[in-house]
């Protein structure tokens, strides 16, 4: 490592071709930039890179459908993309494999989820899903107009969000899964304000079997 006390590089920092310029206090240092080869990464580093690459690809798939309309509305300095990536990272294993669907998240926000939210298959029609909940003493009558939305999942593929036309005030209803929502191994359900500027966190419900396209 060389040390430069003055001159043109005294006001420069960062990588310049094969060298790196670093300024510490009033002194500027120049050193050879490190080089990396494929075999220089440890197994743990390789797995971490594979995991980050897989989660990043997952996020890009849902940039328009989930991140832009929902996660970009969250308050704070972080971008919606960064929040979505951080929220879904725990669902992926070290090698980038989606390990646990229940750890995925499709929505977040300031709206409350209702009490005793439950999802189950309708007994007489397996293509219909019953949703129910209790509102209790809901603090805002205006919030009773929030609408239930849902996202279906199969493997590592998310579809939706789909509107249900079921309002919070109804305390439940029936979801009919159309062909565009299938196949389906589980549902993420959440609420959206009428103006679609506020959302609730989601909750995941496995359905116990995968629907097939009819």
Protein backbone atom coordinates (compact mmCIF):
# COMPACT_ATOMS: atom_id res chain seq x y z
CA UNK A 1 0.00 0.00 0.00
CA UNK A 2 1.32 3.42 -0.97
CA UNK A 3 0.60 6.67 0.89
CA UNK A 4 -0.04 9.97 -0.90
CA UNK A 5 0.14 13.20 1.07
CA UNK A 6 -0.87 15.60 -1.70
CA UNK A 7 -1.47 15.79 -5.44
CA UNK A 8 -4.45 15.05 -7.65
CA UNK A 9 -5.27 11.71 -5.99
CA UNK A 10 -5.57 13.44 -2.65
CA UNK A 11 -9.20 14.33 -3.48
CA UNK A 12 -10.15 11.00 -5.05
CA UNK A 13 -11.49 7.86 -3.39
CA UNK A 14 -12.80 4.54 -4.66
CA UNK A 15 -11.71 2.05 -7.29
CA UNK A 16 -9.73 3.27 -10.29
CA UNK A 17 -9.09 0.37 -12.63
CA UNK A 18 -6.69 -2.05 -10.92
CA UNK A 19 -6.17 0.17 -7.85
CA UNK A 20 -8.25 1.41 -4.92
CA UNK A 21 -7.85 4.92 -3.48
CA UNK A 22 -8.86 5.31 0.17
CA UNK A 23 -8.82 8.55 2.17
CA UNK A 24 -8.36 8.40 5.94
CA UNK A 25 -8.35 11.78 7.58
CA UNK A 26 -5.90 14.00 5.73
CA UNK A 27 -3.99 11.09 4.22
CA UNK A 28 -4.79 9.26 0.97
CA UNK A 29 -3.71 5.66 0.42
CA UNK A 30 -3.50 3.72 -2.84
CA UNK A 31 -3.48 -0.07 -3.03
CA UNK A 32 -4.03 -2.84 -5.52
CA UNK A 33 -7.66 -3.79 -5.92
CA UNK A 34 -8.42 -7.34 -4.73
CA UNK A 35 -9.21 -9.92 -7.39
CA UNK A 36 -11.67 -12.77 -6.97
CA UNK A 37 -11.83 -16.06 -8.78
CA UNK A 38 -14.75 -18.50 -8.77
CA UNK A 39 -12.78 -20.89 -6.57
CA UNK A 40 -11.84 -18.16 -4.06
CA UNK A 41 -15.34 -18.09 -2.50
CA UNK A 42 -16.07 -20.31 0.50
CA UNK A 43 -19.05 -22.67 0.32
CA UNK A 44 -20.96 -20.41 2.70
CA UNK A 45 -20.27 -17.36 0.52
CA UNK A 46 -21.40 -19.23 -2.59
CA UNK A 47 -24.64 -20.26 -0.89
CA UNK A 48 -25.26 -16.71 0.31
CA UNK A 49 -24.77 -15.37 -3.21
CA UNK A 50 -27.11 -18.02 -4.61
CA UNK A 51 -29.71 -17.18 -1.98
CA UNK A 52 -29.52 -13.45 -2.61
CA UNK A 53 -29.69 -14.00 -6.37
CA UNK A 54 -32.80 -16.19 -6.02
CA UNK A 55 -34.59 -13.75 -3.70
CA UNK A 56 -33.71 -10.83 -6.00
CA UNK A 57 -35.18 -12.72 -8.97
CA UNK A 58 -38.29 -13.47 -6.91
CA UNK A 59 -38.66 -9.77 -6.07
CA UNK A 60 -38.30 -8.67 -9.69
CA UNK A 61 -41.15 -10.99 -10.69
CA UNK A 62 -43.50 -9.10 -8.38
CA UNK A 63 -42.28 -5.56 -8.91
CA UNK A 64 -45.45 -4.47 -10.73
CA UNK A 65 -48.06 -6.66 -9.03
CA UNK A 66 -47.06 -6.37 -5.36
CA UNK A 67 -44.14 -4.05 -4.70
CA UNK A 68 -45.31 -1.00 -6.63
CA UNK A 69 -48.98 -0.94 -5.51
CA UNK A 70 -48.49 -2.20 -1.92
CA UNK A 71 -44.96 -2.03 -0.57
CA UNK A 72 -44.16 1.37 -2.09
CA UNK A 73 -46.98 2.81 0.04
CA UNK A 74 -45.24 1.90 3.30
CA UNK A 75 -43.82 4.79 5.30
CA UNK A 76 -40.10 5.01 5.97
CA UNK A 77 -36.84 5.64 4.20
CA UNK A 78 -36.41 2.16 2.74
CA UNK A 79 -37.79 1.50 -0.73
CA UNK A 80 -40.65 -0.91 -1.26
CA UNK A 81 -38.27 -3.23 -3.11
CA UNK A 82 -35.85 -3.32 -0.15
CA UNK A 83 -38.67 -4.01 2.31
CA UNK A 84 -40.12 -6.77 0.15
CA UNK A 85 -36.71 -8.41 -0.26
CA UNK A 86 -35.97 -8.25 3.47
CA UNK A 87 -39.41 -9.62 4.39
CA UNK A 88 -39.08 -12.62 2.06
CA UNK A 89 -35.42 -13.51 2.58
CA UNK A 90 -36.17 -15.85 5.56
CA UNK A 91 -38.34 -18.09 3.34
CA UNK A 92 -35.34 -19.08 1.19
CA UNK A 93 -32.68 -21.57 2.15
CA UNK A 94 -28.91 -21.03 1.87
CA UNK A 95 -28.75 -22.30 -1.72
CA UNK A 96 -31.62 -20.13 -2.93
CA UNK A 97 -34.39 -22.75 -2.65
CA UNK A 98 -37.79 -21.60 -1.40
CA UNK A 99 -38.01 -23.68 1.77
CA UNK A 100 -41.12 -22.43 3.61
CA UNK A 101 -44.19 -20.87 1.96
CA UNK A 102 -45.52 -19.72 5.33
CA UNK A 103 -42.54 -17.37 5.69
CA UNK A 104 -43.35 -15.50 2.48
CA UNK A 105 -45.09 -12.13 2.67
CA UNK A 106 -47.08 -10.46 -0.08
CA UNK A 107 -48.50 -7.45 1.78
CA UNK A 108 -47.85 -5.18 4.74
CA UNK A 109 -49.21 -1.93 6.06
CA UNK A 110 -51.07 -0.08 8.77
CA UNK A 111 -54.51 -1.70 8.48
CA UNK A 112 -55.37 -4.27 11.12
CA UNK A 113 -56.13 -7.91 10.48
CA UNK A 114 -59.40 -9.00 12.08
CA UNK A 115 -59.73 -11.48 14.94
CA UNK A 116 -59.96 -15.22 14.31
CA UNK A 117 -59.26 -14.98 10.59
CA UNK A 118 -59.80 -18.44 9.11
CA UNK A 119 -59.67 -20.05 5.66
CA UNK A 120 -60.90 -23.53 4.77
CA UNK A 121 -62.05 -25.50 1.75
CA UNK A 122 -65.78 -25.58 1.16
CA UNK A 123 -67.10 -29.07 1.89
CA UNK A 124 -69.24 -29.45 -1.22
CA UNK A 125 -67.03 -27.69 -3.78
CA UNK A 126 -63.22 -27.96 -3.55
CA UNK A 127 -62.82 -25.01 -5.94
CA UNK A 128 -64.45 -22.72 -3.38
CA UNK A 129 -62.82 -21.43 -0.23
CA UNK A 130 -64.64 -20.21 2.86
CA UNK A 131 -63.18 -17.19 4.65
CA UNK A 132 -64.40 -15.96 8.03
CA UNK A 133 -63.36 -13.59 10.81
CA UNK A 134 -64.61 -11.54 13.76
CA UNK A 135 -64.50 -7.76 13.70
CA UNK A 136 -65.12 -7.28 17.42
CA UNK A 137 -65.37 -3.64 18.43
CA UNK A 138 -63.76 -2.33 15.28
CA UNK A 139 -62.60 1.25 16.04
CA UNK A 140 -63.52 2.78 12.69
CA UNK A 141 -66.76 2.34 10.74
CA UNK A 142 -64.93 3.62 7.69
CA UNK A 143 -62.52 0.69 7.97
CA UNK A 144 -65.41 -1.72 7.59
CA UNK A 145 -65.32 -0.91 3.87
CA UNK A 146 -61.85 -2.46 3.53
CA UNK A 147 -61.87 -5.24 0.93
CA UNK A 148 -60.37 -8.71 1.25
CA UNK A 149 -57.66 -9.47 -1.33
CA UNK A 150 -55.83 -12.74 -1.84
CA UNK A 151 -52.79 -14.22 -3.56
CA UNK A 152 -52.46 -17.89 -4.46
CA UNK A 153 -49.22 -19.83 -4.37
CA UNK A 154 -48.00 -23.05 -5.95
CA UNK A 155 -44.36 -24.05 -5.68
CA UNK A 156 -42.54 -20.73 -5.83
CA UNK A 157 -45.10 -19.07 -8.09
CA UNK A 158 -47.41 -16.38 -6.76
CA UNK A 159 -50.55 -15.32 -8.63
CA UNK A 160 -52.59 -12.22 -7.90
CA UNK A 161 -53.54 -10.24 -6.03
CA UNK A 162 -57.18 -11.02 -6.75
CA UNK A 163 -60.12 -9.02 -5.45
CA UNK A 164 -62.86 -10.85 -3.59
CA UNK A 165 -65.58 -8.17 -3.36
CA UNK A 166 -65.89 -9.20 0.30
CA UNK A 167 -65.87 -6.25 2.70
CA UNK A 168 -64.57 -6.32 6.25
CA UNK A 169 -68.08 -5.58 7.54
CA UNK A 170 -69.34 -8.90 6.12
CA UNK A 171 -67.09 -10.92 8.46
CA UNK A 172 -66.58 -13.58 5.81
CA UNK A 173 -67.62 -14.98 2.46
CA UNK A 174 -66.78 -17.41 -0.33
CA UNK A 175 -63.78 -17.22 -2.65
CA UNK A 176 -64.18 -19.00 -5.99
CA UNK A 177 -60.77 -19.77 -7.44
CA UNK A 178 -60.89 -19.13 -11.17
CA UNK A 179 -58.48 -20.77 -13.63
CA UNK A 180 -56.05 -17.83 -13.51
CA UNK A 181 -55.56 -18.42 -9.78
CA UNK A 182 -54.74 -22.12 -10.18
CA UNK A 183 -52.97 -24.35 -9.33
CA UNK A 184 -52.97 -23.42 -5.67
CA UNK A 185 -51.33 -24.89 -2.59
CA UNK A 186 -52.26 -22.06 -0.26
CA UNK A 187 -53.61 -18.54 0.07
CA UNK A 188 -52.26 -15.26 1.36
CA UNK A 189 -55.15 -13.05 2.47
CA UNK A 190 -55.05 -9.38 3.47
CA UNK A 191 -57.16 -6.24 3.43
CA UNK A 192 -56.99 -3.11 1.29
CA UNK A 193 -58.55 0.29 1.87
CA UNK A 194 -61.08 1.42 -0.77
CA UNK A 195 -58.58 3.95 -2.17
CA UNK A 196 -55.88 1.24 -2.35
CA UNK A 197 -53.41 3.45 -0.50
CA UNK A 198 -53.37 1.41 2.71
CA UNK A 199 -53.07 -2.33 3.28
CA UNK A 200 -52.85 -4.81 6.13
CA UNK A 201 -50.19 -7.43 6.71
CA UNK A 202 -51.00 -10.77 5.10
CA UNK A 203 -51.67 -14.16 6.62
CA UNK A 204 -50.88 -17.48 4.94
CA UNK A 205 -53.21 -20.48 4.94
CA UNK A 206 -52.13 -23.83 3.44
CA UNK A 207 -55.01 -25.63 1.74
CA UNK A 208 -53.68 -29.12 2.28
CA UNK A 209 -53.81 -30.03 -1.41
CA UNK A 210 -52.99 -28.36 -4.69
CA UNK A 211 -55.86 -27.40 -6.95
CA UNK A 212 -55.44 -28.40 -10.57
CA UNK A 213 -56.55 -26.49 -13.62
CA UNK A 214 -60.00 -27.49 -14.80
